[in-house]
Amino acid sequence: MASGPALLAGRWAIALVWFYQGFWCKVLGRTPRHARVVEAAPLFTARGAHLFLITLGWFETLLGVWVLSGVSPKVVAVTEIALLVVMNAGGVFWASKIIPDPVGMLFQNFAFAVLIWICK
């Protein structure tokens, strides 16, 4: 497992991904494809999809803060990985035609999950 400066660098890298994906892409709406992916799920109305996307964005942003805090690192790691699994499964199941490279997304998120686990 990572320690010292490597752990700090890893946690910053993880947090920055959550800040980018959550705040920039979802809360600020800078990546419209994220909205289309959520809208593809039959679970939501258009308004419900928008509210879910914003809520998810804030949750991801808070995950970044949680990672940097160092509080309960194993719990945050499990939470992050569970969220990645659910989001990837939903994306592939309902929106694989919207995601430019679903297989690439899965490989990238696997690498991200490994980094999360190493930096717990």
C-alpha atoms as a PDB file:
ATOM      1  CA  MET A   1       0.000   0.000   0.000  1.00  0.00           C
ATOM      2  CA  ALA A   2       1.082   3.562  -0.640  1.00  0.00           C
ATOM      3  CA  SER A   3       2.504   5.678   2.159  1.00  0.00           C
ATOM      4  CA  GLY A   4       3.992   9.126   2.712  1.00  0.00           C
ATOM      5  CA  PRO A   5       4.308  11.359  -0.365  1.00  0.00           C
ATOM      6  CA  ALA A   6       3.070   8.600  -2.699  1.00  0.00           C
ATOM      7  CA  LEU A   7      -0.126   8.237  -0.671  1.00  0.00           C
ATOM      8  CA  LEU A   8      -0.690  11.994  -0.680  1.00  0.00           C
ATOM      9  CA  ALA A   9      -0.083  12.213  -4.439  1.00  0.00           C
ATOM     10  CA  GLY A  10      -2.411   9.275  -5.058  1.00  0.00           C
ATOM     11  CA  ARG A  11      -5.158  10.787  -2.924  1.00  0.00           C
ATOM     12  CA  TRP A  12      -4.845  14.115  -4.751  1.00  0.00           C
ATOM     13  CA  ALA A  13      -5.037  12.330  -8.102  1.00  0.00           C
ATOM     14  CA  ILE A  14      -8.171  10.461  -6.988  1.00  0.00           C
ATOM     15  CA  ALA A  15      -9.786  13.597  -5.559  1.00  0.00           C
ATOM     16  CA  LEU A  16      -9.083  15.585  -8.716  1.00  0.00           C
ATOM     17  CA  VAL A  17     -10.817  12.922 -10.811  1.00  0.00           C
ATOM     18  CA  TRP A  18     -13.885  13.163  -8.558  1.00  0.00           C
ATOM     19  CA  PHE A  19     -13.801  16.989  -8.643  1.00  0.00           C
ATOM     20  CA  TYR A  20     -13.555  16.971 -12.440  1.00  0.00           C
ATOM     21  CA  GLN A  21     -16.162  14.268 -13.042  1.00  0.00           C
ATOM     22  CA  GLY A  22     -18.525  15.513 -10.344  1.00  0.00           C
ATOM     23  CA  PHE A  23     -18.291  19.278 -10.222  1.00  0.00           C
ATOM     24  CA  TRP A  24     -17.019  20.204 -13.676  1.00  0.00           C
ATOM     25  CA  CYS A  25     -18.780  17.596 -15.810  1.00  0.00           C
ATOM     26  CA  LYS A  26     -22.041  17.117 -13.898  1.00  0.00           C
ATOM     27  CA  VAL A  27     -22.761  20.068 -11.575  1.00  0.00           C
ATOM     28  CA  LEU A  28     -21.546  22.708 -14.027  1.00  0.00           C
ATOM     29  CA  GLY A  29     -22.820  20.661 -16.981  1.00  0.00           C
ATOM     30  CA  ARG A  30     -19.605  20.957 -19.011  1.00  0.00           C
ATOM     31  CA  THR A  31     -19.984  17.456 -20.476  1.00  0.00           C
ATOM     32  CA  PRO A  32     -23.502  17.103 -21.959  1.00  0.00           C
ATOM     33  CA  ARG A  33     -22.849  13.426 -22.709  1.00  0.00           C
ATOM     34  CA  HIS A  34     -23.126  12.718 -18.967  1.00  0.00           C
ATOM     35  CA  ALA A  35     -26.701  14.018 -19.020  1.00  0.00           C
ATOM     36  CA  ARG A  36     -27.521  11.890 -22.072  1.00  0.00           C
ATOM     37  CA  VAL A  37     -26.162   8.780 -20.321  1.00  0.00           C
ATOM     38  CA  VAL A  38     -28.371   9.370 -17.270  1.00  0.00           C
ATOM     39  CA  GLU A  39     -31.381  10.204 -19.473  1.00  0.00           C
ATOM     40  CA  ALA A  40     -30.930   6.838 -21.246  1.00  0.00           C
ATOM     41  CA  ALA A  41     -31.858   5.002 -18.034  1.00  0.00           C
ATOM     42  CA  PRO A  42     -35.591   4.266 -17.990  1.00  0.00           C
ATOM     43  CA  LEU A  43     -35.666   5.069 -14.276  1.00  0.00           C
ATOM     44  CA  PHE A  44     -36.033   8.825 -14.705  1.00  0.00           C
ATOM     45  CA  THR A  45     -38.180  11.508 -16.234  1.00  0.00           C
ATOM     46  CA  ALA A  46     -36.217  14.292 -17.946  1.00  0.00           C
ATOM     47  CA  ARG A  47     -36.404  16.428 -14.800  1.00  0.00           C
ATOM     48  CA  GLY A  48     -35.588  13.441 -12.582  1.00  0.00           C
ATOM     49  CA  ALA A  49     -32.534  12.657 -14.702  1.00  0.00           C
ATOM     50  CA  HIS A  50     -31.324  16.243 -14.363  1.00  0.00           C
ATOM     51  CA  LEU A  51     -31.801  16.259 -10.586  1.00  0.00           C
ATOM     52  CA  PHE A  52     -30.099  12.869 -10.287  1.00  0.00           C
ATOM     53  CA  LEU A  53     -27.142  14.091 -12.376  1.00  0.00           C
ATOM     54  CA  ILE A  54     -26.667  17.191 -10.210  1.00  0.00           C
ATOM     55  CA  THR A  55     -26.987  15.138  -7.006  1.00  0.00           C
ATOM     56  CA  LEU A  56     -24.505  12.581  -8.327  1.00  0.00           C
ATOM     57  CA  GLY A  57     -22.125  15.393  -9.252  1.00  0.00           C
ATOM     58  CA  TRP A  58     -22.242  16.824  -5.735  1.00  0.00           C
ATOM     59  CA  PHE A  59     -21.788  13.335  -4.264  1.00  0.00           C
ATOM     60  CA  GLU A  60     -18.703  12.784  -6.444  1.00  0.00           C
ATOM     61  CA  THR A  61     -17.359  16.199  -5.407  1.00  0.00           C
ATOM     62  CA  LEU A  62     -17.842  15.303  -1.752  1.00  0.00           C
ATOM     63  CA  LEU A  63     -16.072  11.978  -2.369  1.00  0.00           C
ATOM     64  CA  GLY A  64     -13.051  14.007  -3.452  1.00  0.00           C
ATOM     65  CA  VAL A  65     -13.159  15.986  -0.214  1.00  0.00           C
ATOM     66  CA  TRP A  66     -13.572  12.757   1.769  1.00  0.00           C
ATOM     67  CA  VAL A  67     -10.553  11.190   0.030  1.00  0.00           C
ATOM     68  CA  LEU A  68      -8.390  14.211   0.870  1.00  0.00           C
ATOM     69  CA  SER A  69      -9.563  14.231   4.476  1.00  0.00           C
ATOM     70  CA  GLY A  70      -8.037  10.794   5.118  1.00  0.00           C
ATOM     71  CA  VAL A  71     -11.033   9.906   7.327  1.00  0.00           C
ATOM     72  CA  SER A  72     -12.073   6.223   7.131  1.00  0.00           C
ATOM     73  CA  PRO A  73      -9.978   5.475   4.042  1.00  0.00           C
ATOM     74  CA  LYS A  74     -11.206   1.871   3.682  1.00  0.00           C
ATOM     75  CA  VAL A  75     -14.846   2.973   3.852  1.00  0.00           C
ATOM     76  CA  VAL A  76     -14.311   5.703   1.266  1.00  0.00           C
ATOM     77  CA  ALA A  77     -12.435   3.263  -0.999  1.00  0.00           C
ATOM     78  CA  VAL A  78     -15.268   0.738  -0.858  1.00  0.00           C
ATOM     79  CA  THR A  79     -17.803   3.538  -1.464  1.00  0.00           C
ATOM     80  CA  GLU A  80     -15.853   4.820  -4.474  1.00  0.00           C
ATOM     81  CA  ILE A  81     -15.413   1.391  -6.026  1.00  0.00           C
ATOM     82  CA  ALA A  82     -19.074   0.499  -5.460  1.00  0.00           C
ATOM     83  CA  LEU A  83     -20.106   3.759  -7.139  1.00  0.00           C
ATOM     84  CA  LEU A  84     -17.804   3.034 -10.088  1.00  0.00           C
ATOM     85  CA  VAL A  85     -19.258  -0.469 -10.484  1.00  0.00           C
ATOM     86  CA  VAL A  86     -22.856   0.816 -10.406  1.00  0.00           C
ATOM     87  CA  MET A  87     -22.165   3.721 -12.773  1.00  0.00           C
ATOM     88  CA  ASN A  88     -20.236   1.548 -15.224  1.00  0.00           C
ATOM     89  CA  ALA A  89     -22.885  -1.190 -15.164  1.00  0.00           C
ATOM     90  CA  GLY A  90     -25.671   1.341 -15.735  1.00  0.00           C
ATOM     91  CA  GLY A  91     -23.731   3.062 -18.487  1.00  0.00           C
ATOM     92  CA  VAL A  92     -22.958  -0.149 -20.340  1.00  0.00           C
ATOM     93  CA  PHE A  93     -26.466  -1.560 -19.827  1.00  0.00           C
ATOM     94  CA  TRP A  94     -28.511   1.516 -20.778  1.00  0.00           C
ATOM     95  CA  ALA A  95     -26.191   3.859 -22.652  1.00  0.00           C
ATOM     96  CA  SER A  96     -23.438   1.891 -24.388  1.00  0.00           C
ATOM     97  CA  LYS A  97     -24.345   3.576 -27.704  1.00  0.00           C
ATOM     98  CA  ILE A  98     -23.855   7.018 -26.147  1.00  0.00           C
ATOM     99  CA  ILE A  99     -20.492   6.215 -24.540  1.00  0.00           C
ATOM    100  CA  PRO A 100     -17.808   6.624 -27.233  1.00  0.00           C
ATOM    101  CA  ASP A 101     -15.676   3.689 -26.041  1.00  0.00           C
ATOM    102  CA  PRO A 102     -17.410   1.530 -23.404  1.00  0.00           C
ATOM    103  CA  VAL A 103     -14.585  -1.017 -23.250  1.00  0.00           C
ATOM    104  CA  GLY A 104     -12.011   1.735 -22.827  1.00  0.00           C
ATOM    105  CA  MET A 105     -14.171   3.277 -20.095  1.00  0.00           C
ATOM    106  CA  LEU A 106     -14.193  -0.040 -18.234  1.00  0.00           C
ATOM    107  CA  PHE A 107     -10.396  -0.417 -18.488  1.00  0.00           C
ATOM    108  CA  GLN A 108      -9.828   3.176 -17.323  1.00  0.00           C
ATOM    109  CA  ASN A 109     -12.183   2.751 -14.397  1.00  0.00           C
ATOM    110  CA  PHE A 110     -10.523  -0.538 -13.449  1.00  0.00           C
ATOM    111  CA  ALA A 111      -7.175   1.298 -13.290  1.00  0.00           C
ATOM    112  CA  PHE A 112      -8.833   4.069 -11.261  1.00  0.00           C
ATOM    113  CA  ALA A 113     -10.294   1.482  -8.851  1.00  0.00           C
ATOM    114  CA  VAL A 114      -6.844  -0.076  -8.397  1.00  0.00           C
ATOM    115  CA  LEU A 115      -5.396   3.349  -7.548  1.00  0.00           C
ATOM    116  CA  ILE A 116      -8.263   3.920  -5.083  1.00  0.00           C
ATOM    117  CA  TRP A 117      -7.561   0.608  -3.381  1.00  0.00           C
ATOM    118  CA  ILE A 118      -3.804   1.179  -3.212  1.00  0.00           C
ATOM    119  CA  CYS A 119      -4.315   4.626  -1.658  1.00  0.00           C
ATOM    120  CA  LYS A 120      -6.815   3.605   1.018  1.00  0.00           C
END
